[in-house]
């Protein structure tokens, strides 16, 4: 189970993307440059069956 500090860490990087640049700079790593990400829905409580899976 995810705890509050773990979730807060994710939120901080989602809401303040420039934290990545700051973290890299503090660690002495080269700036990776701009990046993009796509949020994935990992909620498996509502799995949908594909049409191929329903064919016997």
PDB file of N, CA and C in Angstrom:
ATOM      1  N   UNK A   1       0.840  -1.184   0.000  1.00  0.00           N
ATOM      2  CA  UNK A   1       0.000   0.000   0.000  1.00  0.00           C
ATOM      3  C   UNK A   1       0.885   1.248   0.000  1.00  0.00           C
ATOM      4  N   UNK A   2       0.500   2.225  -0.764  1.00  0.00           N
ATOM      5  CA  UNK A   2       1.248   3.478  -0.859  1.00  0.00           C
ATOM      6  C   UNK A   2       0.955   4.325   0.369  1.00  0.00           C
ATOM      7  N   UNK A   3       2.017   4.884   0.948  1.00  0.00           N
ATOM      8  CA  UNK A   3       1.814   5.735   2.117  1.00  0.00           C
ATOM      9  C   UNK A   3       1.788   7.211   1.705  1.00  0.00           C
ATOM     10  N   UNK A   4       1.418   8.066   2.630  1.00  0.00           N
ATOM     11  CA  UNK A   4       1.266   9.499   2.332  1.00  0.00           C
ATOM     12  C   UNK A   4       2.539  10.167   1.830  1.00  0.00           C
ATOM     13  N   UNK A   5       3.707   9.935   2.463  1.00  0.00           N
ATOM     14  CA  UNK A   5       4.930  10.574   1.949  1.00  0.00           C
ATOM     15  C   UNK A   5       5.257  10.143   0.518  1.00  0.00           C
ATOM     16  N   UNK A   6       5.004   8.878   0.199  1.00  0.00           N
ATOM     17  CA  UNK A   6       5.260   8.388  -1.157  1.00  0.00           C
ATOM     18  C   UNK A   6       4.364   9.108  -2.162  1.00  0.00           C
ATOM     19  N   UNK A   7       3.089   9.214  -1.826  1.00  0.00           N
ATOM     20  CA  UNK A   7       2.141   9.899  -2.709  1.00  0.00           C
ATOM     21  C   UNK A   7       2.497  11.376  -2.839  1.00  0.00           C
ATOM     22  N   UNK A   8       2.923  12.008  -1.751  1.00  0.00           N
ATOM     23  CA  UNK A   8       3.312  13.422  -1.785  1.00  0.00           C
ATOM     24  C   UNK A   8       4.511  13.628  -2.702  1.00  0.00           C
ATOM     25  N   UNK A   9       5.430  12.689  -2.693  1.00  0.00           N
ATOM     26  CA  UNK A   9       6.605  12.757  -3.569  1.00  0.00           C
ATOM     27  C   UNK A   9       6.174  12.763  -5.038  1.00  0.00           C
ATOM     28  N   UNK A  10       5.267  11.865  -5.387  1.00  0.00           N
ATOM     29  CA  UNK A  10       4.763  11.819  -6.758  1.00  0.00           C
ATOM     30  C   UNK A  10       4.047  13.116  -7.126  1.00  0.00           C
ATOM     31  N   UNK A  11       3.207  13.602  -6.228  1.00  0.00           N
ATOM     32  CA  UNK A  11       2.463  14.846  -6.493  1.00  0.00           C
ATOM     33  C   UNK A  11       3.397  16.020  -6.707  1.00  0.00           C
ATOM     34  N   UNK A  12       4.445  16.106  -5.902  1.00  0.00           N
ATOM     35  CA  UNK A  12       5.376  17.229  -6.020  1.00  0.00           C
ATOM     36  C   UNK A  12       5.991  17.272  -7.415  1.00  0.00           C
ATOM     37  N   UNK A  13       6.429  16.115  -7.923  1.00  0.00           N
ATOM     38  CA  UNK A  13       7.044  16.080  -9.253  1.00  0.00           C
ATOM     39  C   UNK A  13       6.008  16.278 -10.354  1.00  0.00           C
ATOM     40  N   UNK A  14       4.745  15.889 -10.120  1.00  0.00           N
ATOM     41  CA  UNK A  14       3.692  16.112 -11.120  1.00  0.00           C
ATOM     42  C   UNK A  14       3.344  17.587 -11.213  1.00  0.00           C
ATOM     43  N   UNK A  15       3.242  18.239 -10.073  1.00  0.00           N
ATOM     44  CA  UNK A  15       2.770  19.618 -10.042  1.00  0.00           C
ATOM     45  C   UNK A  15       3.890  20.638 -10.235  1.00  0.00           C
ATOM     46  N   UNK A  16       5.135  20.247  -9.992  1.00  0.00           N
ATOM     47  CA  UNK A  16       6.280  21.148 -10.157  1.00  0.00           C
ATOM     48  C   UNK A  16       7.338  20.417 -10.979  1.00  0.00           C
ATOM     49  N   UNK A  17       7.136  20.298 -12.298  1.00  0.00           N
ATOM     50  CA  UNK A  17       8.058  19.531 -13.137  1.00  0.00           C
ATOM     51  C   UNK A  17       9.507  20.012 -13.095  1.00  0.00           C
ATOM     52  N   UNK A  18       9.733  21.279 -12.792  1.00  0.00           N
ATOM     53  CA  UNK A  18      11.112  21.783 -12.755  1.00  0.00           C
ATOM     54  C   UNK A  18      11.910  21.181 -11.596  1.00  0.00           C
ATOM     55  N   UNK A  19      11.261  20.454 -10.701  1.00  0.00           N
ATOM     56  CA  UNK A  19      11.989  19.771  -9.634  1.00  0.00           C
ATOM     57  C   UNK A  19      12.980  18.750 -10.192  1.00  0.00           C
ATOM     58  N   UNK A  20      12.662  18.161 -11.342  1.00  0.00           N
ATOM     59  CA  UNK A  20      13.585  17.208 -11.957  1.00  0.00           C
ATOM     60  C   UNK A  20      14.909  17.887 -12.269  1.00  0.00           C
ATOM     61  N   UNK A  21      14.856  19.062 -12.878  1.00  0.00           N
ATOM     62  CA  UNK A  21      16.094  19.790 -13.211  1.00  0.00           C
ATOM     63  C   UNK A  21      16.867  20.136 -11.949  1.00  0.00           C
ATOM     64  N   UNK A  22      16.153  20.578 -10.931  1.00  0.00           N
ATOM     65  CA  UNK A  22      16.813  20.933  -9.674  1.00  0.00           C
ATOM     66  C   UNK A  22      17.474  19.705  -9.040  1.00  0.00           C
ATOM     67  N   UNK A  23      16.758  18.585  -9.044  1.00  0.00           N
ATOM     68  CA  UNK A  23      17.308  17.361  -8.451  1.00  0.00           C
ATOM     69  C   UNK A  23      18.558  16.912  -9.201  1.00  0.00           C
ATOM     70  N   UNK A  24      18.515  16.949 -10.526  1.00  0.00           N
ATOM     71  CA  UNK A  24      19.683  16.561 -11.316  1.00  0.00           C
ATOM     72  C   UNK A  24      20.859  17.485 -11.015  1.00  0.00           C
ATOM     73  N   UNK A  25      20.577  18.793 -10.933  1.00  0.00           N
ATOM     74  CA  UNK A  25      21.634  19.765 -10.659  1.00  0.00           C
ATOM     75  C   UNK A  25      22.247  19.506  -9.281  1.00  0.00           C
ATOM     76  N   UNK A  26      21.407  19.241  -8.262  1.00  0.00           N
ATOM     77  CA  UNK A  26      21.911  18.975  -6.911  1.00  0.00           C
ATOM     78  C   UNK A  26      22.753  17.707  -6.855  1.00  0.00           C
ATOM     79  N   UNK A  27      22.420  16.735  -7.692  1.00  0.00           N
ATOM     80  CA  UNK A  27      23.169  15.479  -7.720  1.00  0.00           C
ATOM     81  C   UNK A  27      24.403  15.543  -8.621  1.00  0.00           C
ATOM     82  N   UNK A  28      24.599  16.694  -9.288  1.00  0.00           N
ATOM     83  CA  UNK A  28      25.747  16.858 -10.172  1.00  0.00           C
ATOM     84  C   UNK A  28      25.602  16.094 -11.471  1.00  0.00           C
ATOM     85  N   UNK A  29      24.379  15.825 -11.880  1.00  0.00           N
ATOM     86  CA  UNK A  29      24.118  15.099 -13.124  1.00  0.00           C
ATOM     87  C   UNK A  29      23.779  16.081 -14.241  1.00  0.00           C
ATOM     88  N   UNK A  30      24.038  15.719 -15.485  1.00  0.00           N
ATOM     89  CA  UNK A  30      23.681  16.606 -16.596  1.00  0.00           C
ATOM     90  C   UNK A  30      22.160  16.729 -16.716  1.00  0.00           C
ATOM     91  N   UNK A  31      21.729  17.911 -17.071  1.00  0.00           N
ATOM     92  CA  UNK A  31      20.293  18.161 -17.251  1.00  0.00           C
ATOM     93  C   UNK A  31      19.778  17.311 -18.410  1.00  0.00           C
ATOM     94  N   UNK A  32      18.738  16.500 -18.170  1.00  0.00           N
ATOM     95  CA  UNK A  32      18.227  15.634 -19.229  1.00  0.00           C
ATOM     96  C   UNK A  32      17.432  16.378 -20.291  1.00  0.00           C
ATOM     97  N   UNK A  33      17.128  17.636 -20.054  1.00  0.00           N
ATOM     98  CA  UNK A  33      16.348  18.410 -21.019  1.00  0.00           C
ATOM     99  C   UNK A  33      14.860  18.154 -20.872  1.00  0.00           C
ATOM    100  N   UNK A  34      14.075  18.783 -21.730  1.00  0.00           N
ATOM    101  CA  UNK A  34      12.630  18.652 -21.624  1.00  0.00           C
ATOM    102  C   UNK A  34      12.175  17.216 -21.912  1.00  0.00           C
ATOM    103  N   UNK A  35      11.113  16.846 -21.251  1.00  0.00           N
ATOM    104  CA  UNK A  35      10.536  15.512 -21.451  1.00  0.00           C
ATOM    105  C   UNK A  35       9.031  15.613 -21.309  1.00  0.00           C
ATOM    106  N   UNK A  36       8.359  14.608 -21.759  1.00  0.00           N
ATOM    107  CA  UNK A  36       6.904  14.574 -21.577  1.00  0.00           C
ATOM    108  C   UNK A  36       6.524  13.205 -21.046  1.00  0.00           C
ATOM    109  N   UNK A  37       5.380  13.153 -20.425  1.00  0.00           N
ATOM    110  CA  UNK A  37       4.891  11.893 -19.858  1.00  0.00           C
ATOM    111  C   UNK A  37       3.387  11.819 -20.035  1.00  0.00           C
ATOM    112  N   UNK A  38       2.901  10.626 -20.038  1.00  0.00           N
ATOM    113  CA  UNK A  38       1.462  10.402 -20.138  1.00  0.00           C
ATOM    114  C   UNK A  38       1.011   9.614 -18.919  1.00  0.00           C
ATOM    115  N   UNK A  39      -0.019  10.095 -18.281  1.00  0.00           N
ATOM    116  CA  UNK A  39      -0.541   9.398 -17.110  1.00  0.00           C
ATOM    117  C   UNK A  39      -1.298   8.155 -17.558  1.00  0.00           C
ATOM    118  N   UNK A  40      -1.010   7.045 -16.916  1.00  0.00           N
ATOM    119  CA  UNK A  40      -1.692   5.802 -17.224  1.00  0.00           C
ATOM    120  C   UNK A  40      -2.675   5.470 -16.116  1.00  0.00           C
ATOM    121  N   UNK A  41      -3.848   5.042 -16.490  1.00  0.00           N
ATOM    122  CA  UNK A  41      -4.834   4.622 -15.512  1.00  0.00           C
ATOM    123  C   UNK A  41      -4.541   3.175 -15.140  1.00  0.00           C
ATOM    124  N   UNK A  42      -4.130   2.949 -13.918  1.00  0.00           N
ATOM    125  CA  UNK A  42      -3.805   1.591 -13.491  1.00  0.00           C
ATOM    126  C   UNK A  42      -4.879   1.029 -12.563  1.00  0.00           C
ATOM    127  N   UNK A  43      -6.062   1.587 -12.615  1.00  0.00           N
ATOM    128  CA  UNK A  43      -7.180   1.098 -11.826  1.00  0.00           C
ATOM    129  C   UNK A  43      -7.690  -0.186 -12.463  1.00  0.00           C
ATOM    130  N   UNK A  44      -7.480  -1.295 -11.815  1.00  0.00           N
ATOM    131  CA  UNK A  44      -7.898  -2.583 -12.371  1.00  0.00           C
ATOM    132  C   UNK A  44      -9.244  -3.043 -11.805  1.00  0.00           C
ATOM    133  N   UNK A  45      -9.940  -2.148 -11.135  1.00  0.00           N
ATOM    134  CA  UNK A  45     -11.243  -2.539 -10.585  1.00  0.00           C
ATOM    135  C   UNK A  45     -12.307  -2.609 -11.663  1.00  0.00           C
ATOM    136  N   UNK A  46     -12.063  -1.993 -12.814  1.00  0.00           N
ATOM    137  CA  UNK A  46     -13.029  -2.017 -13.910  1.00  0.00           C
ATOM    138  C   UNK A  46     -12.368  -2.514 -15.184  1.00  0.00           C
ATOM    139  N   UNK A  47     -11.978  -3.771 -15.179  1.00  0.00           N
ATOM    140  CA  UNK A  47     -11.365  -4.350 -16.362  1.00  0.00           C
ATOM    141  C   UNK A  47     -12.424  -4.551 -17.438  1.00  0.00           C
ATOM    142  N   UNK A  48     -12.080  -4.227 -18.655  1.00  0.00           N
ATOM    143  CA  UNK A  48     -12.991  -4.419 -19.769  1.00  0.00           C
ATOM    144  C   UNK A  48     -12.486  -5.580 -20.611  1.00  0.00           C
ATOM    145  N   UNK A  49     -13.353  -6.395 -21.013  1.00  0.00           N
ATOM    146  CA  UNK A  49     -12.997  -7.540 -21.833  1.00  0.00           C
ATOM    147  C   UNK A  49     -12.948  -7.120 -23.301  1.00  0.00           C
ATOM    148  N   UNK A  50     -11.870  -7.464 -23.976  1.00  0.00           N
ATOM    149  CA  UNK A  50     -11.785  -7.115 -25.384  1.00  0.00           C
ATOM    150  C   UNK A  50     -12.631  -8.087 -26.196  1.00  0.00           C
ATOM    151  N   UNK A  51     -13.019  -7.683 -27.396  1.00  0.00           N
ATOM    152  CA  UNK A  51     -13.860  -8.536 -28.233  1.00  0.00           C
ATOM    153  C   UNK A  51     -13.137  -9.807 -28.610  1.00  0.00           C
ATOM    154  N   UNK A  52     -11.807  -9.743 -28.770  1.00  0.00           N
ATOM    155  CA  UNK A  52     -11.041 -10.936 -29.128  1.00  0.00           C
ATOM    156  C   UNK A  52     -11.047 -11.948 -27.983  1.00  0.00           C
ATOM    157  N   UNK A  53     -11.048 -11.448 -26.751  1.00  0.00           N
ATOM    158  CA  UNK A  53     -11.019 -12.347 -25.598  1.00  0.00           C
ATOM    159  C   UNK A  53     -12.368 -13.042 -25.407  1.00  0.00           C
ATOM    160  N   UNK A  54     -13.439 -12.429 -25.866  1.00  0.00           N
ATOM    161  CA  UNK A  54     -14.755 -13.038 -25.654  1.00  0.00           C
ATOM    162  C   UNK A  54     -15.110 -14.058 -26.716  1.00  0.00           C
ATOM    163  N   UNK A  55     -14.304 -14.164 -27.761  1.00  0.00           N
ATOM    164  CA  UNK A  55     -14.556 -15.142 -28.816  1.00  0.00           C
ATOM    165  C   UNK A  55     -14.014 -16.485 -28.390  1.00  0.00           C
ATOM    166  N   UNK A  56     -14.842 -17.561 -28.423  1.00  0.00           N
ATOM    167  CA  UNK A  56     -14.366 -18.872 -27.974  1.00  0.00           C
ATOM    168  C   UNK A  56     -13.351 -19.499 -28.895  1.00  0.00           C
TER     169      UNK A  56
END
